Amino acid sequence: MMKDINRIKVVLVEKKRTSKWLSEQLGKDPATISKWCTNTSQPDLVTLTKVAVLLDVDVRQLINKTKGTNTDD
């Protein structure tokens, strides 16, 4: 069982954006974005940073916290 690593789908909903919009902004195939949203595959860090910029969030908001992570930043 693969744990959900990213929160891209959640943040897209929070920002009232669609996966189609994200695919157009990044020039990526919609199927690729779908895989990220379902955590079937993951974007590389450079792409994840681009997603954060497009959605106007800190890149850390796109990644699920791991157990024991200090959240006092």
N, C-alpha and C. Protein backbone atom coordinates (compact mmCIF):
# COMPACT_ATOMS: atom_id res chain seq x y z
N MET A 1 0.84 -1.19 0.00
CA MET A 1 0.00 0.00 0.00
C MET A 1 0.88 1.25 0.00
N MET A 2 0.67 2.11 -0.98
CA MET A 2 1.46 3.32 -1.06
C MET A 2 0.74 4.45 -0.33
N LYS A 3 1.47 5.10 0.56
CA LYS A 3 0.90 6.21 1.30
C LYS A 3 0.81 7.43 0.40
N ASP A 4 -0.19 8.27 0.64
CA ASP A 4 -0.30 9.52 -0.09
C ASP A 4 0.85 10.43 0.30
N ILE A 5 1.68 10.75 -0.67
CA ILE A 5 2.87 11.56 -0.41
C ILE A 5 2.57 13.04 -0.62
N ASN A 6 1.85 13.35 -1.71
CA ASN A 6 1.58 14.76 -1.99
C ASN A 6 0.13 15.14 -1.72
N ARG A 7 -0.09 16.44 -1.64
CA ARG A 7 -1.41 17.00 -1.38
C ARG A 7 -1.87 17.86 -2.56
N ILE A 8 -1.38 17.58 -3.74
CA ILE A 8 -1.68 18.42 -4.90
C ILE A 8 -3.19 18.51 -5.13
N LYS A 9 -3.87 17.38 -5.08
CA LYS A 9 -5.31 17.39 -5.33
C LYS A 9 -6.04 18.27 -4.31
N VAL A 10 -5.68 18.14 -3.05
CA VAL A 10 -6.31 18.92 -1.98
C VAL A 10 -6.07 20.42 -2.19
N VAL A 11 -4.84 20.79 -2.50
CA VAL A 11 -4.51 22.20 -2.67
C VAL A 11 -5.19 22.77 -3.92
N LEU A 12 -5.29 21.98 -4.97
CA LEU A 12 -6.03 22.43 -6.15
C LEU A 12 -7.47 22.78 -5.78
N VAL A 13 -8.11 21.93 -4.98
CA VAL A 13 -9.48 22.19 -4.55
C VAL A 13 -9.54 23.46 -3.70
N GLU A 14 -8.61 23.58 -2.75
CA GLU A 14 -8.57 24.75 -1.88
C GLU A 14 -8.42 26.05 -2.69
N LYS A 15 -7.64 25.97 -3.76
CA LYS A 15 -7.37 27.15 -4.59
C LYS A 15 -8.38 27.30 -5.74
N LYS A 16 -9.37 26.41 -5.75
CA LYS A 16 -10.42 26.43 -6.80
C LYS A 16 -9.83 26.35 -8.21
N ARG A 17 -8.87 25.46 -8.36
CA ARG A 17 -8.23 25.20 -9.65
C ARG A 17 -8.46 23.74 -10.02
N THR A 18 -8.34 23.45 -11.31
CA THR A 18 -8.54 22.08 -11.78
C THR A 18 -7.22 21.46 -12.20
N SER A 19 -7.24 20.15 -12.31
CA SER A 19 -6.04 19.47 -12.80
C SER A 19 -5.80 19.84 -14.27
N LYS A 20 -6.88 20.10 -15.00
CA LYS A 20 -6.74 20.54 -16.39
C LYS A 20 -6.00 21.87 -16.45
N TRP A 21 -6.37 22.80 -15.58
CA TRP A 21 -5.68 24.10 -15.52
C TRP A 21 -4.20 23.89 -15.23
N LEU A 22 -3.89 23.03 -14.26
CA LEU A 22 -2.50 22.78 -13.89
C LEU A 22 -1.73 22.17 -15.06
N SER A 23 -2.34 21.24 -15.76
CA SER A 23 -1.66 20.62 -16.90
C SER A 23 -1.36 21.66 -17.99
N GLU A 24 -2.30 22.58 -18.21
CA GLU A 24 -2.07 23.64 -19.21
C GLU A 24 -0.95 24.57 -18.77
N GLN A 25 -0.93 24.93 -17.50
CA GLN A 25 0.10 25.85 -16.98
C GLN A 25 1.50 25.23 -17.07
N LEU A 26 1.58 23.94 -16.82
CA LEU A 26 2.88 23.26 -16.81
C LEU A 26 3.27 22.67 -18.17
N GLY A 27 2.31 22.63 -19.09
CA GLY A 27 2.58 22.00 -20.38
C GLY A 27 2.75 20.49 -20.25
N LYS A 28 2.02 19.91 -19.31
CA LYS A 28 2.10 18.47 -19.06
C LYS A 28 0.82 17.79 -19.52
N ASP A 29 0.92 16.52 -19.82
CA ASP A 29 -0.25 15.72 -20.19
C ASP A 29 -1.21 15.64 -19.00
N PRO A 30 -2.51 15.83 -19.23
CA PRO A 30 -3.47 15.72 -18.13
C PRO A 30 -3.38 14.38 -17.39
N ALA A 31 -3.02 13.32 -18.08
CA ALA A 31 -2.88 12.02 -17.42
C ALA A 31 -1.76 12.04 -16.38
N THR A 32 -0.70 12.80 -16.65
CA THR A 32 0.40 12.93 -15.69
C THR A 32 -0.09 13.62 -14.42
N ILE A 33 -0.83 14.71 -14.59
CA ILE A 33 -1.36 15.45 -13.45
C ILE A 33 -2.31 14.55 -12.65
N SER A 34 -3.12 13.76 -13.36
CA SER A 34 -4.03 12.84 -12.70
C SER A 34 -3.27 11.85 -11.83
N LYS A 35 -2.16 11.34 -12.32
CA LYS A 35 -1.34 10.40 -11.54
C LYS A 35 -0.78 11.06 -10.29
N TRP A 36 -0.40 12.34 -10.41
CA TRP A 36 0.08 13.06 -9.23
C TRP A 36 -1.05 13.22 -8.22
N CYS A 37 -2.24 13.58 -8.71
CA CYS A 37 -3.38 13.83 -7.84
C CYS A 37 -3.84 12.58 -7.12
N THR A 38 -3.64 11.43 -7.72
CA THR A 38 -4.02 10.17 -7.08
C THR A 38 -2.84 9.51 -6.37
N ASN A 39 -1.69 10.18 -6.39
CA ASN A 39 -0.46 9.68 -5.77
C ASN A 39 0.01 8.36 -6.38
N THR A 40 -0.35 8.13 -7.65
CA THR A 40 0.14 6.97 -8.38
C THR A 40 1.60 7.19 -8.76
N SER A 41 1.94 8.45 -9.06
CA SER A 41 3.33 8.83 -9.30
C SER A 41 3.53 10.22 -8.70
N GLN A 42 4.79 10.65 -8.66
CA GLN A 42 5.13 11.92 -8.01
C GLN A 42 5.90 12.82 -8.97
N PRO A 43 5.65 14.13 -8.89
CA PRO A 43 6.47 15.05 -9.69
C PRO A 43 7.86 15.17 -9.07
N ASP A 44 8.84 15.56 -9.89
CA ASP A 44 10.17 15.80 -9.32
C ASP A 44 10.12 17.11 -8.53
N LEU A 45 11.18 17.39 -7.79
CA LEU A 45 11.19 18.56 -6.91
C LEU A 45 11.12 19.87 -7.67
N VAL A 46 11.75 19.94 -8.82
CA VAL A 46 11.69 21.17 -9.63
C VAL A 46 10.25 21.44 -10.05
N THR A 47 9.57 20.40 -10.52
CA THR A 47 8.17 20.54 -10.94
C THR A 47 7.27 20.85 -9.75
N LEU A 48 7.52 20.21 -8.62
CA LEU A 48 6.73 20.47 -7.43
C LEU A 48 6.86 21.94 -7.01
N THR A 49 8.05 22.48 -7.15
CA THR A 49 8.28 23.90 -6.85
C THR A 49 7.48 24.78 -7.81
N LYS A 50 7.45 24.41 -9.08
CA LYS A 50 6.66 25.17 -10.06
C LYS A 50 5.18 25.13 -9.71
N VAL A 51 4.70 23.96 -9.28
CA VAL A 51 3.30 23.82 -8.88
C VAL A 51 3.01 24.75 -7.70
N ALA A 52 3.92 24.79 -6.74
CA ALA A 52 3.74 25.67 -5.57
C ALA A 52 3.65 27.13 -5.99
N VAL A 53 4.50 27.55 -6.92
CA VAL A 53 4.47 28.93 -7.40
C VAL A 53 3.14 29.22 -8.09
N LEU A 54 2.71 28.32 -8.95
CA LEU A 54 1.45 28.50 -9.67
C LEU A 54 0.25 28.60 -8.73
N LEU A 55 0.29 27.82 -7.65
CA LEU A 55 -0.82 27.80 -6.70
C LEU A 55 -0.63 28.80 -5.56
N ASP A 56 0.50 29.52 -5.58
CA ASP A 56 0.80 30.54 -4.58
C ASP A 56 0.78 29.96 -3.16
N VAL A 57 1.49 28.84 -3.00
CA VAL A 57 1.62 28.21 -1.69
C VAL A 57 3.09 27.86 -1.46
N ASP A 58 3.45 27.66 -0.20
CA ASP A 58 4.77 27.14 0.13
C ASP A 58 4.83 25.70 -0.34
N VAL A 59 5.94 25.29 -0.90
CA VAL A 59 6.07 23.93 -1.43
C VAL A 59 5.77 22.88 -0.36
N ARG A 60 6.01 23.22 0.88
CA ARG A 60 5.74 22.27 1.98
C ARG A 60 4.25 21.96 2.12
N GLN A 61 3.39 22.87 1.64
CA GLN A 61 1.95 22.62 1.70
C GLN A 61 1.50 21.56 0.70
N LEU A 62 2.38 21.22 -0.24
CA LEU A 62 2.06 20.22 -1.24
C LEU A 62 2.50 18.82 -0.85
N ILE A 63 3.14 18.70 0.30
CA ILE A 63 3.66 17.41 0.74
C ILE A 63 3.04 17.06 2.09
N ASN A 64 2.56 15.84 2.24
CA ASN A 64 2.03 15.40 3.52
C ASN A 64 3.15 15.30 4.54
N LYS A 65 2.85 15.70 5.75
CA LYS A 65 3.85 15.63 6.82
C LYS A 65 4.16 14.18 7.14
N THR A 66 5.41 13.96 7.54
CA THR A 66 5.80 12.63 7.98
C THR A 66 5.73 12.59 9.49
N LYS A 67 5.60 11.42 10.04
CA LYS A 67 5.50 11.25 11.49
C LYS A 67 6.73 11.85 12.17
N GLY A 68 6.49 12.61 13.20
CA GLY A 68 7.61 13.18 13.96
C GLY A 68 8.17 14.46 13.38
N THR A 69 7.56 14.98 12.32
CA THR A 69 8.04 16.21 11.71
C THR A 69 7.73 17.38 12.63
N ASN A 70 8.72 18.23 12.83
CA ASN A 70 8.53 19.42 13.63
C ASN A 70 7.75 20.43 12.82
N THR A 71 6.61 20.88 13.33
CA THR A 71 5.76 21.81 12.60
C THR A 71 5.81 23.21 13.20
N ASP A 72 6.80 23.48 14.01
CA ASP A 72 6.90 24.78 14.68
C ASP A 72 7.63 25.83 13.87
N ASP A 73 7.84 25.61 12.56
CA ASP A 73 8.57 26.59 11.74
C ASP A 73 7.76 27.85 11.61
